[in-house]
Amino acid sequence: MKFIVTAGALLLASTLAHAQASHWAFSYTGFYDQEAAAFLPDLRIDGSFSGVDANGDGVLERGELTSLLVDAKGYVACAAGSNINYHCDADSFRFSAESGLSFSVSEYASDPEGLYGGGHFATTGQMVYDYQFNPYGGSEHHLLWTDGTALAMSSALPGMESVPAVPEAPTWAMLLAGMGGIGLWRRRRA
C-alpha cells in the first residue's frame, strides 16, 4: 500500500516538474566580421538551453538553467571543470517572453607560465571574441552583432517534441484516471 501511495506521489511530482521545464533552441544569423571588414549574412551561432523557472516569475535566469549549449559547447556543464588555469561558464543568462534572450559565456585557458593560451567569449547583442597567444605571436577575431543580426527560436530542442508550459487536458485526464484507479483499488482491498 505504501508503494502505491509513493508511486502516485512520484507520478504527480513528475508531471508537475515536467510542466515547469523549459526547453528552447535558438539561432543567431548574420554578423559583422571586424577583421574581414564585412557583414556575413549566412554566419550562424546555434544553441539551446533548458531550465526550470523555480520562482515562477516568468524569467529564466542563470541559477535556474540546467543546460546552455552555444555552438555545441555546454557552458553550464563545463563550469565544474574550472580551475586556476581554465575558466568555463555561463557568466550571465536571462530569458523571458517579454525581454527576450541575453547571455554571456566564456571559456579561456593558459599554461601556468602564461606563455600559451586562448579563449572564447560571447555576449549577445555585442560581440563574439576569440583569441590565441603563444611566445611567437597571437591572433584575435571579432564578430559583432548588428541591426542585421536575426534571432530565431523554437520552444524545443532539435529532435525533441515541443514541451508545453502547462500540461494539456489529456495529460491531466490520464493523471486523474490513474489516481482514481489507485483510489478504487485501495478501497476495494479494504
N, C-alpha and C. Protein backbone atom coordinates (compact mmCIF):
# COMPACT_ATOMS: atom_id res chain seq x y z
N MET A 1 0.82 -1.18 0.00
CA MET A 1 0.00 0.00 0.00
C MET A 1 0.87 1.25 0.00
N LYS A 2 1.98 1.25 0.75
CA LYS A 2 2.89 2.39 0.75
C LYS A 2 3.47 2.60 -0.64
N PHE A 3 3.72 1.49 -1.35
CA PHE A 3 4.27 1.58 -2.70
C PHE A 3 3.33 2.34 -3.62
N ILE A 4 2.04 2.06 -3.53
CA ILE A 4 1.06 2.70 -4.40
C ILE A 4 0.96 4.18 -4.10
N VAL A 5 0.92 4.55 -2.82
CA VAL A 5 0.86 5.96 -2.46
C VAL A 5 2.12 6.67 -2.94
N THR A 6 3.28 6.04 -2.73
CA THR A 6 4.54 6.63 -3.17
C THR A 6 4.57 6.76 -4.69
N ALA A 7 4.11 5.73 -5.40
CA ALA A 7 4.09 5.78 -6.85
C ALA A 7 3.18 6.90 -7.34
N GLY A 8 2.04 7.07 -6.70
CA GLY A 8 1.13 8.15 -7.07
C GLY A 8 1.75 9.51 -6.83
N ALA A 9 2.43 9.66 -5.69
CA ALA A 9 3.08 10.94 -5.38
C ALA A 9 4.19 11.23 -6.38
N LEU A 10 4.97 10.21 -6.74
CA LEU A 10 6.03 10.40 -7.72
C LEU A 10 5.47 10.77 -9.08
N LEU A 11 4.36 10.14 -9.47
CA LEU A 11 3.72 10.45 -10.74
C LEU A 11 3.26 11.90 -10.76
N LEU A 12 2.64 12.35 -9.67
CA LEU A 12 2.18 13.72 -9.58
C LEU A 12 3.36 14.70 -9.62
N ALA A 13 4.40 14.43 -8.83
CA ALA A 13 5.57 15.31 -8.80
C ALA A 13 6.25 15.37 -10.16
N SER A 14 6.33 14.23 -10.82
CA SER A 14 6.95 14.18 -12.15
C SER A 14 6.16 15.02 -13.15
N THR A 15 4.85 14.91 -13.11
CA THR A 15 4.01 15.69 -14.02
C THR A 15 4.15 17.17 -13.77
N LEU A 16 4.15 17.58 -12.48
CA LEU A 16 4.28 18.99 -12.17
C LEU A 16 5.66 19.52 -12.54
N ALA A 17 6.71 18.74 -12.28
CA ALA A 17 8.06 19.17 -12.64
C ALA A 17 8.18 19.30 -14.15
N HIS A 18 7.60 18.35 -14.88
CA HIS A 18 7.63 18.39 -16.34
C HIS A 18 6.91 19.64 -16.85
N ALA A 19 5.85 20.04 -16.17
CA ALA A 19 5.08 21.18 -16.61
C ALA A 19 5.89 22.47 -16.53
N GLN A 20 6.86 22.55 -15.62
CA GLN A 20 7.61 23.76 -15.44
C GLN A 20 8.91 23.78 -16.25
N ALA A 21 9.30 22.66 -16.83
CA ALA A 21 10.54 22.60 -17.59
C ALA A 21 10.41 23.41 -18.86
N SER A 22 11.48 24.11 -19.20
CA SER A 22 11.50 24.94 -20.39
C SER A 22 12.68 24.50 -21.26
N HIS A 23 12.41 24.20 -22.53
CA HIS A 23 13.43 23.77 -23.47
C HIS A 23 13.34 24.65 -24.72
N TRP A 24 14.45 25.26 -25.10
CA TRP A 24 14.46 26.16 -26.24
C TRP A 24 15.70 25.93 -27.10
N ALA A 25 15.53 26.12 -28.39
CA ALA A 25 16.66 26.14 -29.33
C ALA A 25 16.69 27.54 -29.94
N PHE A 26 17.89 28.05 -30.23
CA PHE A 26 18.00 29.38 -30.81
C PHE A 26 19.08 29.41 -31.88
N SER A 27 18.98 30.41 -32.73
CA SER A 27 19.97 30.60 -33.78
C SER A 27 20.07 32.09 -34.08
N TYR A 28 21.30 32.61 -34.00
CA TYR A 28 21.58 33.99 -34.42
C TYR A 28 22.23 33.91 -35.78
N THR A 29 21.76 34.70 -36.73
CA THR A 29 22.28 34.68 -38.09
C THR A 29 22.64 36.09 -38.53
N GLY A 30 23.84 36.23 -39.12
CA GLY A 30 24.29 37.49 -39.67
C GLY A 30 25.13 38.29 -38.69
N PHE A 31 26.44 38.37 -38.94
CA PHE A 31 27.37 39.08 -38.08
C PHE A 31 28.34 39.91 -38.92
N TYR A 32 28.83 40.96 -38.31
CA TYR A 32 29.87 41.76 -38.95
C TYR A 32 31.22 41.22 -38.49
N ASP A 33 32.03 40.75 -39.44
CA ASP A 33 33.37 40.23 -39.16
C ASP A 33 34.32 41.42 -39.17
N GLN A 34 34.81 41.80 -38.00
CA GLN A 34 35.64 43.00 -37.88
C GLN A 34 36.95 42.87 -38.64
N GLU A 35 37.59 41.72 -38.57
CA GLU A 35 38.87 41.54 -39.25
C GLU A 35 38.72 41.53 -40.78
N ALA A 36 37.62 40.96 -41.27
CA ALA A 36 37.38 40.93 -42.71
C ALA A 36 36.70 42.21 -43.19
N ALA A 37 36.23 43.04 -42.25
CA ALA A 37 35.51 44.28 -42.57
C ALA A 37 34.34 44.00 -43.50
N ALA A 38 33.54 42.97 -43.14
CA ALA A 38 32.41 42.60 -43.98
C ALA A 38 31.29 42.02 -43.13
N PHE A 39 30.05 42.28 -43.56
CA PHE A 39 28.89 41.66 -42.94
C PHE A 39 28.70 40.30 -43.59
N LEU A 40 28.61 39.25 -42.77
CA LEU A 40 28.44 37.89 -43.27
C LEU A 40 27.02 37.43 -42.95
N PRO A 41 26.09 37.55 -43.91
CA PRO A 41 24.68 37.29 -43.64
C PRO A 41 24.35 35.83 -43.31
N ASP A 42 25.18 34.90 -43.74
CA ASP A 42 24.89 33.48 -43.51
C ASP A 42 25.60 32.90 -42.30
N LEU A 43 26.44 33.66 -41.63
CA LEU A 43 27.16 33.16 -40.46
C LEU A 43 26.18 32.96 -39.31
N ARG A 44 26.22 31.77 -38.69
CA ARG A 44 25.25 31.43 -37.65
C ARG A 44 25.94 31.03 -36.36
N ILE A 45 25.28 31.33 -35.27
CA ILE A 45 25.62 30.81 -33.96
C ILE A 45 24.37 30.10 -33.46
N ASP A 46 24.46 28.80 -33.27
CA ASP A 46 23.32 28.00 -32.84
C ASP A 46 23.49 27.57 -31.40
N GLY A 47 22.39 27.30 -30.74
CA GLY A 47 22.46 26.82 -29.38
C GLY A 47 21.12 26.37 -28.86
N SER A 48 21.12 25.99 -27.60
CA SER A 48 19.89 25.58 -26.92
C SER A 48 20.08 25.76 -25.43
N PHE A 49 18.97 25.81 -24.72
CA PHE A 49 19.04 25.89 -23.27
C PHE A 49 17.80 25.23 -22.67
N SER A 50 17.94 24.82 -21.44
CA SER A 50 16.81 24.27 -20.71
C SER A 50 16.96 24.65 -19.25
N GLY A 51 15.84 24.68 -18.57
CA GLY A 51 15.85 25.03 -17.16
C GLY A 51 14.44 25.04 -16.61
N VAL A 52 14.34 25.39 -15.35
CA VAL A 52 13.06 25.43 -14.67
C VAL A 52 12.94 26.79 -13.99
N ASP A 53 11.87 27.50 -14.26
CA ASP A 53 11.60 28.78 -13.62
C ASP A 53 11.15 28.49 -12.19
N ALA A 54 12.10 28.27 -11.30
CA ALA A 54 11.83 27.80 -9.95
C ALA A 54 10.99 28.78 -9.13
N ASN A 55 11.19 30.07 -9.32
CA ASN A 55 10.43 31.04 -8.52
C ASN A 55 9.15 31.50 -9.21
N GLY A 56 8.87 30.98 -10.41
CA GLY A 56 7.62 31.26 -11.11
C GLY A 56 7.43 32.71 -11.53
N ASP A 57 8.52 33.46 -11.73
CA ASP A 57 8.40 34.87 -12.11
C ASP A 57 8.35 35.10 -13.62
N GLY A 58 8.36 34.02 -14.40
CA GLY A 58 8.31 34.16 -15.85
C GLY A 58 9.64 34.48 -16.49
N VAL A 59 10.71 34.48 -15.69
CA VAL A 59 12.05 34.78 -16.19
C VAL A 59 12.95 33.60 -15.84
N LEU A 60 13.64 33.07 -16.83
CA LEU A 60 14.62 32.01 -16.60
C LEU A 60 15.98 32.67 -16.45
N GLU A 61 16.60 32.50 -15.30
CA GLU A 61 17.88 33.15 -15.01
C GLU A 61 18.98 32.11 -14.87
N ARG A 62 20.21 32.57 -14.74
CA ARG A 62 21.39 31.70 -14.70
C ARG A 62 21.26 30.58 -13.67
N GLY A 63 20.82 30.88 -12.48
CA GLY A 63 20.70 29.87 -11.43
C GLY A 63 19.63 28.84 -11.69
N GLU A 64 18.75 29.09 -12.65
CA GLU A 64 17.66 28.16 -12.97
C GLU A 64 17.96 27.30 -14.20
N LEU A 65 19.11 27.51 -14.81
CA LEU A 65 19.49 26.74 -16.00
C LEU A 65 19.93 25.34 -15.63
N THR A 66 19.56 24.38 -16.46
CA THR A 66 20.11 23.03 -16.34
C THR A 66 21.09 22.75 -17.47
N SER A 67 20.97 23.48 -18.58
CA SER A 67 21.95 23.36 -19.66
C SER A 67 21.91 24.62 -20.53
N LEU A 68 23.06 24.95 -21.10
CA LEU A 68 23.18 26.02 -22.08
C LEU A 68 24.27 25.60 -23.06
N LEU A 69 23.87 25.33 -24.29
CA LEU A 69 24.82 24.99 -25.35
C LEU A 69 24.89 26.16 -26.32
N VAL A 70 26.12 26.58 -26.62
CA VAL A 70 26.35 27.60 -27.65
C VAL A 70 27.37 26.99 -28.59
N ASP A 71 26.95 26.79 -29.85
CA ASP A 71 27.78 26.11 -30.84
C ASP A 71 28.36 24.81 -30.29
N ALA A 72 27.50 24.00 -29.70
CA ALA A 72 27.79 22.65 -29.20
C ALA A 72 28.65 22.60 -27.94
N LYS A 73 29.00 23.74 -27.35
CA LYS A 73 29.76 23.77 -26.10
C LYS A 73 28.79 23.95 -24.95
N GLY A 74 28.83 23.04 -23.97
CA GLY A 74 27.95 23.09 -22.82
C GLY A 74 28.52 23.98 -21.73
N TYR A 75 28.01 25.20 -21.61
CA TYR A 75 28.59 26.17 -20.68
C TYR A 75 28.12 26.02 -19.24
N VAL A 76 27.04 25.32 -18.98
CA VAL A 76 26.65 25.03 -17.60
C VAL A 76 27.45 23.82 -17.12
N ALA A 77 27.55 22.82 -17.98
CA ALA A 77 28.26 21.59 -17.62
C ALA A 77 29.76 21.81 -17.42
N CYS A 78 30.36 22.69 -18.21
CA CYS A 78 31.82 22.85 -18.14
C CYS A 78 32.27 23.64 -16.91
N ALA A 79 31.37 24.33 -16.24
CA ALA A 79 31.75 25.17 -15.09
C ALA A 79 32.42 24.36 -13.99
N ALA A 80 32.05 23.11 -13.84
CA ALA A 80 32.65 22.26 -12.79
C ALA A 80 34.13 22.02 -13.03
N GLY A 81 34.59 22.15 -14.27
CA GLY A 81 35.99 21.90 -14.58
C GLY A 81 36.88 23.13 -14.46
N SER A 82 36.32 24.27 -14.08
CA SER A 82 37.12 25.49 -13.96
C SER A 82 38.14 25.38 -12.83
N ASN A 83 39.32 25.96 -13.07
CA ASN A 83 40.38 25.98 -12.05
C ASN A 83 41.25 27.22 -12.28
N ILE A 84 42.40 27.27 -11.69
CA ILE A 84 43.24 28.47 -11.78
C ILE A 84 43.73 28.73 -13.21
N ASN A 85 43.86 27.67 -14.03
CA ASN A 85 44.35 27.84 -15.40
C ASN A 85 43.27 27.70 -16.46
N TYR A 86 42.05 27.40 -16.04
CA TYR A 86 40.97 27.17 -17.00
C TYR A 86 39.66 27.72 -16.42
N HIS A 87 38.96 28.49 -17.24
CA HIS A 87 37.65 29.01 -16.84
C HIS A 87 36.66 28.69 -17.93
N CYS A 88 35.50 28.21 -17.53
CA CYS A 88 34.41 27.95 -18.47
C CYS A 88 33.11 28.11 -17.70
N ASP A 89 32.19 28.94 -18.22
CA ASP A 89 30.93 29.14 -17.51
C ASP A 89 29.97 29.97 -18.35
N ALA A 90 28.71 29.86 -18.00
CA ALA A 90 27.70 30.79 -18.47
C ALA A 90 27.72 31.92 -17.44
N ASP A 91 28.39 33.01 -17.76
CA ASP A 91 28.62 34.08 -16.79
C ASP A 91 27.33 34.82 -16.45
N SER A 92 26.43 34.95 -17.41
CA SER A 92 25.12 35.54 -17.15
C SER A 92 24.12 34.94 -18.13
N PHE A 93 22.84 34.95 -17.72
CA PHE A 93 21.79 34.41 -18.58
C PHE A 93 20.46 34.99 -18.12
N ARG A 94 19.61 35.32 -19.10
CA ARG A 94 18.26 35.79 -18.80
C ARG A 94 17.39 35.54 -20.03
N PHE A 95 16.23 34.95 -19.79
CA PHE A 95 15.28 34.74 -20.87
C PHE A 95 13.86 34.89 -20.34
N SER A 96 13.08 35.67 -21.07
CA SER A 96 11.64 35.76 -20.82
C SER A 96 10.97 36.13 -22.14
N ALA A 97 9.68 35.86 -22.20
CA ALA A 97 8.94 36.18 -23.41
C ALA A 97 8.94 37.68 -23.66
N GLU A 98 8.95 38.48 -22.59
CA GLU A 98 8.90 39.93 -22.75
C GLU A 98 10.26 40.52 -23.12
N SER A 99 11.31 40.11 -22.41
CA SER A 99 12.62 40.75 -22.62
C SER A 99 13.50 40.01 -23.62
N GLY A 100 13.15 38.80 -24.00
CA GLY A 100 13.94 38.04 -24.96
C GLY A 100 15.09 37.29 -24.31
N LEU A 101 16.10 37.00 -25.11
CA LEU A 101 17.23 36.18 -24.69
C LEU A 101 18.49 37.02 -24.59
N SER A 102 19.20 36.89 -23.48
CA SER A 102 20.52 37.53 -23.35
C SER A 102 21.40 36.63 -22.49
N PHE A 103 22.64 36.50 -22.90
CA PHE A 103 23.59 35.70 -22.13
C PHE A 103 25.01 36.14 -22.42
N SER A 104 25.89 35.73 -21.54
CA SER A 104 27.32 35.93 -21.73
C SER A 104 28.00 34.63 -21.31
N VAL A 105 28.78 34.06 -22.21
CA VAL A 105 29.50 32.82 -21.92
C VAL A 105 30.99 33.04 -22.19
N SER A 106 31.82 32.27 -21.49
CA SER A 106 33.25 32.41 -21.71
C SER A 106 33.97 31.10 -21.42
N GLU A 107 35.05 30.91 -22.15
CA GLU A 107 35.96 29.79 -21.93
C GLU A 107 37.35 30.30 -22.28
N TYR A 108 38.26 30.22 -21.33
CA TYR A 108 39.64 30.64 -21.61
C TYR A 108 40.58 29.84 -20.73
N ALA A 109 41.83 29.71 -21.23
CA ALA A 109 42.83 28.92 -20.52
C ALA A 109 44.22 29.40 -20.88
N SER A 110 45.15 29.09 -20.02
CA SER A 110 46.56 29.33 -20.32
C SER A 110 47.39 28.34 -19.53
N ASP A 111 48.63 28.14 -19.97
CA ASP A 111 49.53 27.29 -19.20
C ASP A 111 49.95 28.05 -17.93
N PRO A 112 50.47 27.37 -16.93
CA PRO A 112 50.82 28.04 -15.67
C PRO A 112 51.79 29.22 -15.84
N GLU A 113 52.65 29.17 -16.83
CA GLU A 113 53.60 30.26 -17.06
C GLU A 113 52.98 31.42 -17.83
N GLY A 114 51.82 31.21 -18.43
CA GLY A 114 51.18 32.27 -19.21
C GLY A 114 51.78 32.47 -20.58
N LEU A 115 52.44 31.44 -21.11
CA LEU A 115 53.05 31.56 -22.44
C LEU A 115 52.10 31.17 -23.56
N TYR A 116 51.23 30.22 -23.30
CA TYR A 116 50.30 29.72 -24.30
C TYR A 116 48.88 29.82 -23.74
N GLY A 117 47.96 30.22 -24.58
CA GLY A 117 46.59 30.29 -24.12
C GLY A 117 45.65 30.77 -25.20
N GLY A 118 44.43 30.88 -24.79
CA GLY A 118 43.41 31.35 -25.72
C GLY A 118 42.07 31.37 -25.03
N GLY A 119 41.11 31.91 -25.74
CA GLY A 119 39.78 31.97 -25.16
C GLY A 119 38.71 32.29 -26.16
N HIS A 120 37.49 32.16 -25.68
CA HIS A 120 36.30 32.42 -26.48
C HIS A 120 35.27 33.09 -25.56
N PHE A 121 34.75 34.23 -25.98
CA PHE A 121 33.73 34.96 -25.24
C PHE A 121 32.58 35.26 -26.19
N ALA A 122 31.36 35.16 -25.71
CA ALA A 122 30.19 35.55 -26.50
C ALA A 122 29.22 36.28 -25.58
N THR A 123 28.85 37.48 -25.97
CA THR A 123 27.86 38.27 -25.25
C THR A 123 26.82 38.72 -26.24
N THR A 124 25.58 38.24 -26.07
CA THR A 124 24.53 38.56 -27.03
C THR A 124 24.33 40.06 -27.12
N GLY A 125 24.05 40.50 -28.34
CA GLY A 125 23.83 41.92 -28.59
C GLY A 125 25.11 42.71 -28.73
N GLN A 126 26.26 42.09 -28.46
CA GLN A 126 27.52 42.81 -28.54
C GLN A 126 28.52 42.13 -29.47
N MET A 127 29.16 41.05 -28.97
CA MET A 127 30.29 40.52 -29.72
C MET A 127 30.59 39.07 -29.36
N VAL A 128 31.17 38.37 -30.32
CA VAL A 128 31.83 37.09 -30.10
C VAL A 128 33.31 37.36 -30.32
N TYR A 129 34.13 36.98 -29.36
CA TYR A 129 35.55 37.31 -29.41
C TYR A 129 36.37 36.04 -29.15
N ASP A 130 37.29 35.75 -30.06
CA ASP A 130 38.21 34.61 -29.92
C ASP A 130 39.63 35.14 -29.96
N TYR A 131 40.50 34.54 -29.16
CA TYR A 131 41.91 34.94 -29.21
C TYR A 131 42.79 33.73 -28.88
N GLN A 132 44.03 33.80 -29.34
CA GLN A 132 45.06 32.80 -29.04
C GLN A 132 46.38 33.53 -28.92
N PHE A 133 47.27 33.02 -28.05
CA PHE A 133 48.60 33.60 -27.96
C PHE A 133 49.61 32.52 -27.63
N ASN A 134 50.84 32.78 -28.04
CA ASN A 134 51.98 31.92 -27.73
C ASN A 134 53.22 32.81 -27.79
N PRO A 135 54.39 32.28 -27.47
CA PRO A 135 55.59 33.14 -27.48
C PRO A 135 55.92 33.76 -28.83
N TYR A 136 55.34 33.24 -29.89
CA TYR A 136 55.67 33.71 -31.24
C TYR A 136 54.66 34.68 -31.81
N GLY A 137 53.58 34.93 -31.09
CA GLY A 137 52.56 35.85 -31.59
C GLY A 137 51.19 35.51 -31.06
N GLY A 138 50.21 36.03 -31.73
CA GLY A 138 48.83 35.79 -31.31
C GLY A 138 47.86 36.17 -32.40
N SER A 139 46.60 35.90 -32.14
CA SER A 139 45.55 36.27 -33.09
C SER A 139 44.28 36.61 -32.33
N GLU A 140 43.46 37.43 -32.97
CA GLU A 140 42.16 37.81 -32.42
C GLU A 140 41.13 37.77 -33.54
N HIS A 141 39.89 37.50 -33.16
CA HIS A 141 38.81 37.51 -34.13
C HIS A 141 37.56 38.05 -33.45
N HIS A 142 36.92 39.04 -34.07
CA HIS A 142 35.73 39.69 -33.52
C HIS A 142 34.56 39.53 -34.49
N LEU A 143 33.45 39.05 -33.98
CA LEU A 143 32.19 39.04 -34.72
C LEU A 143 31.24 39.94 -33.94
N LEU A 144 30.67 40.93 -34.62
CA LEU A 144 29.83 41.91 -33.95
C LEU A 144 28.36 41.74 -34.30
N TRP A 145 27.50 41.88 -33.30
CA TRP A 145 26.06 41.94 -33.54
C TRP A 145 25.77 43.27 -34.23
N THR A 146 24.83 43.26 -35.17
CA THR A 146 24.39 44.48 -35.86
C THR A 146 22.87 44.48 -35.91
N ASP A 147 22.31 45.51 -36.53
CA ASP A 147 20.85 45.53 -36.75
C ASP A 147 20.43 44.41 -37.69
N GLY A 148 21.37 43.90 -38.47
CA GLY A 148 21.08 42.81 -39.40
C GLY A 148 21.18 41.42 -38.78
N THR A 149 21.60 41.32 -37.52
CA THR A 149 21.68 40.03 -36.84
C THR A 149 20.28 39.61 -36.42
N ALA A 150 19.86 38.43 -36.86
CA ALA A 150 18.50 37.96 -36.59
C ALA A 150 18.51 36.79 -35.61
N LEU A 151 17.54 36.77 -34.73
CA LEU A 151 17.37 35.68 -33.76
C LEU A 151 16.15 34.87 -34.14
N ALA A 152 16.32 33.55 -34.22
CA ALA A 152 15.21 32.63 -34.43
C ALA A 152 15.20 31.66 -33.24
N MET A 153 14.01 31.39 -32.70
CA MET A 153 13.90 30.50 -31.55
C MET A 153 12.76 29.52 -31.77
N SER A 154 12.92 28.33 -31.19
CA SER A 154 11.83 27.36 -31.16
C SER A 154 11.74 26.81 -29.75
N SER A 155 10.55 26.38 -29.37
CA SER A 155 10.31 26.01 -27.99
C SER A 155 10.66 24.57 -27.66
N ALA A 156 11.55 23.96 -28.39
CA ALA A 156 12.00 22.61 -28.06
C ALA A 156 13.40 22.42 -28.61
N LEU A 157 14.14 21.53 -28.00
CA LEU A 157 15.45 21.20 -28.51
C LEU A 157 15.30 20.46 -29.83
N PRO A 158 16.24 20.59 -30.76
CA PRO A 158 16.13 19.87 -32.02
C PRO A 158 16.00 18.37 -31.78
N GLY A 159 15.06 17.77 -32.50
CA GLY A 159 14.85 16.34 -32.38
C GLY A 159 13.94 15.95 -31.24
N MET A 160 13.45 16.92 -30.49
CA MET A 160 12.55 16.63 -29.38
C MET A 160 11.17 17.19 -29.68
N GLU A 161 10.18 16.60 -29.05
CA GLU A 161 8.83 17.10 -29.16
C GLU A 161 8.72 18.40 -28.36
N SER A 162 7.94 19.34 -28.83
CA SER A 162 7.75 20.58 -28.09
C SER A 162 7.11 20.30 -26.74
N VAL A 163 7.59 20.97 -25.72
CA VAL A 163 7.09 20.77 -24.36
C VAL A 163 6.19 21.94 -24.00
N PRO A 164 4.89 21.70 -23.77
CA PRO A 164 4.01 22.80 -23.42
C PRO A 164 4.33 23.33 -22.02
N ALA A 165 4.04 24.60 -21.79
CA ALA A 165 4.32 25.21 -20.49
C ALA A 165 3.41 24.64 -19.41
N VAL A 166 2.18 24.28 -19.77
CA VAL A 166 1.23 23.69 -18.84
C VAL A 166 0.74 22.40 -19.46
N PRO A 167 0.58 21.33 -18.67
CA PRO A 167 0.12 20.07 -19.25
C PRO A 167 -1.21 20.26 -19.98
N GLU A 168 -1.34 19.56 -21.09
CA GLU A 168 -2.56 19.63 -21.87
C GLU A 168 -3.64 18.79 -21.19
N ALA A 169 -4.88 18.98 -21.60
CA ALA A 169 -6.02 18.30 -20.99
C ALA A 169 -5.85 16.78 -20.95
N PRO A 170 -5.37 16.12 -22.04
CA PRO A 170 -5.20 14.67 -21.96
C PRO A 170 -4.21 14.23 -20.87
N THR A 171 -3.19 15.04 -20.61
CA THR A 171 -2.22 14.70 -19.56
C THR A 171 -2.90 14.72 -18.21
N TRP A 172 -3.68 15.78 -17.96
CA TRP A 172 -4.41 15.85 -16.68
C TRP A 172 -5.41 14.72 -16.58
N ALA A 173 -6.10 14.39 -17.67
CA ALA A 173 -7.08 13.30 -17.65
C ALA A 173 -6.42 11.97 -17.31
N MET A 174 -5.26 11.71 -17.90
CA MET A 174 -4.55 10.46 -17.60
C MET A 174 -4.10 10.43 -16.15
N LEU A 175 -3.61 11.56 -15.64
CA LEU A 175 -3.17 11.62 -14.25
C LEU A 175 -4.35 11.37 -13.31
N LEU A 176 -5.48 12.04 -13.56
CA LEU A 176 -6.65 11.87 -12.70
C LEU A 176 -7.21 10.45 -12.79
N ALA A 177 -7.22 9.87 -14.00
CA ALA A 177 -7.70 8.50 -14.16
C ALA A 177 -6.81 7.53 -13.39
N GLY A 178 -5.51 7.73 -13.48
CA GLY A 178 -4.59 6.86 -12.74
C GLY A 178 -4.76 6.99 -11.24
N MET A 179 -4.89 8.21 -10.75
CA MET A 179 -5.09 8.42 -9.32
C MET A 179 -6.43 7.84 -8.87
N GLY A 180 -7.46 8.02 -9.71
CA GLY A 180 -8.78 7.44 -9.39
C GLY A 180 -8.72 5.93 -9.35
N GLY A 181 -7.97 5.33 -10.29
CA GLY A 181 -7.81 3.88 -10.30
C GLY A 181 -7.11 3.38 -9.06
N ILE A 182 -6.11 4.09 -8.62
CA ILE A 182 -5.40 3.71 -7.39
C ILE A 182 -6.34 3.81 -6.20
N GLY A 183 -7.14 4.87 -6.16
CA GLY A 183 -8.10 5.05 -5.06
C GLY A 183 -9.13 3.93 -5.03
N LEU A 184 -9.68 3.56 -6.20
CA LEU A 184 -10.66 2.47 -6.26
C LEU A 184 -10.03 1.14 -5.85
N TRP A 185 -8.80 0.90 -6.28
CA TRP A 185 -8.12 -0.35 -5.93
C TRP A 185 -7.91 -0.43 -4.42
N ARG A 186 -7.51 0.69 -3.81
CA ARG A 186 -7.29 0.71 -2.35
C ARG A 186 -8.61 0.50 -1.63
N ARG A 187 -9.68 1.13 -2.11
CA ARG A 187 -10.98 1.00 -1.44
C ARG A 187 -11.48 -0.42 -1.56
N ARG A 188 -11.25 -1.05 -2.70
CA ARG A 188 -11.73 -2.42 -2.94
C ARG A 188 -10.99 -3.39 -2.02
N ARG A 189 -9.68 -3.17 -1.80
CA ARG A 189 -8.90 -4.04 -0.93
C ARG A 189 -9.36 -3.91 0.53
N ALA A 190 -9.79 -2.72 0.91
CA ALA A 190 -10.23 -2.51 2.29
C ALA A 190 -11.56 -3.16 2.50
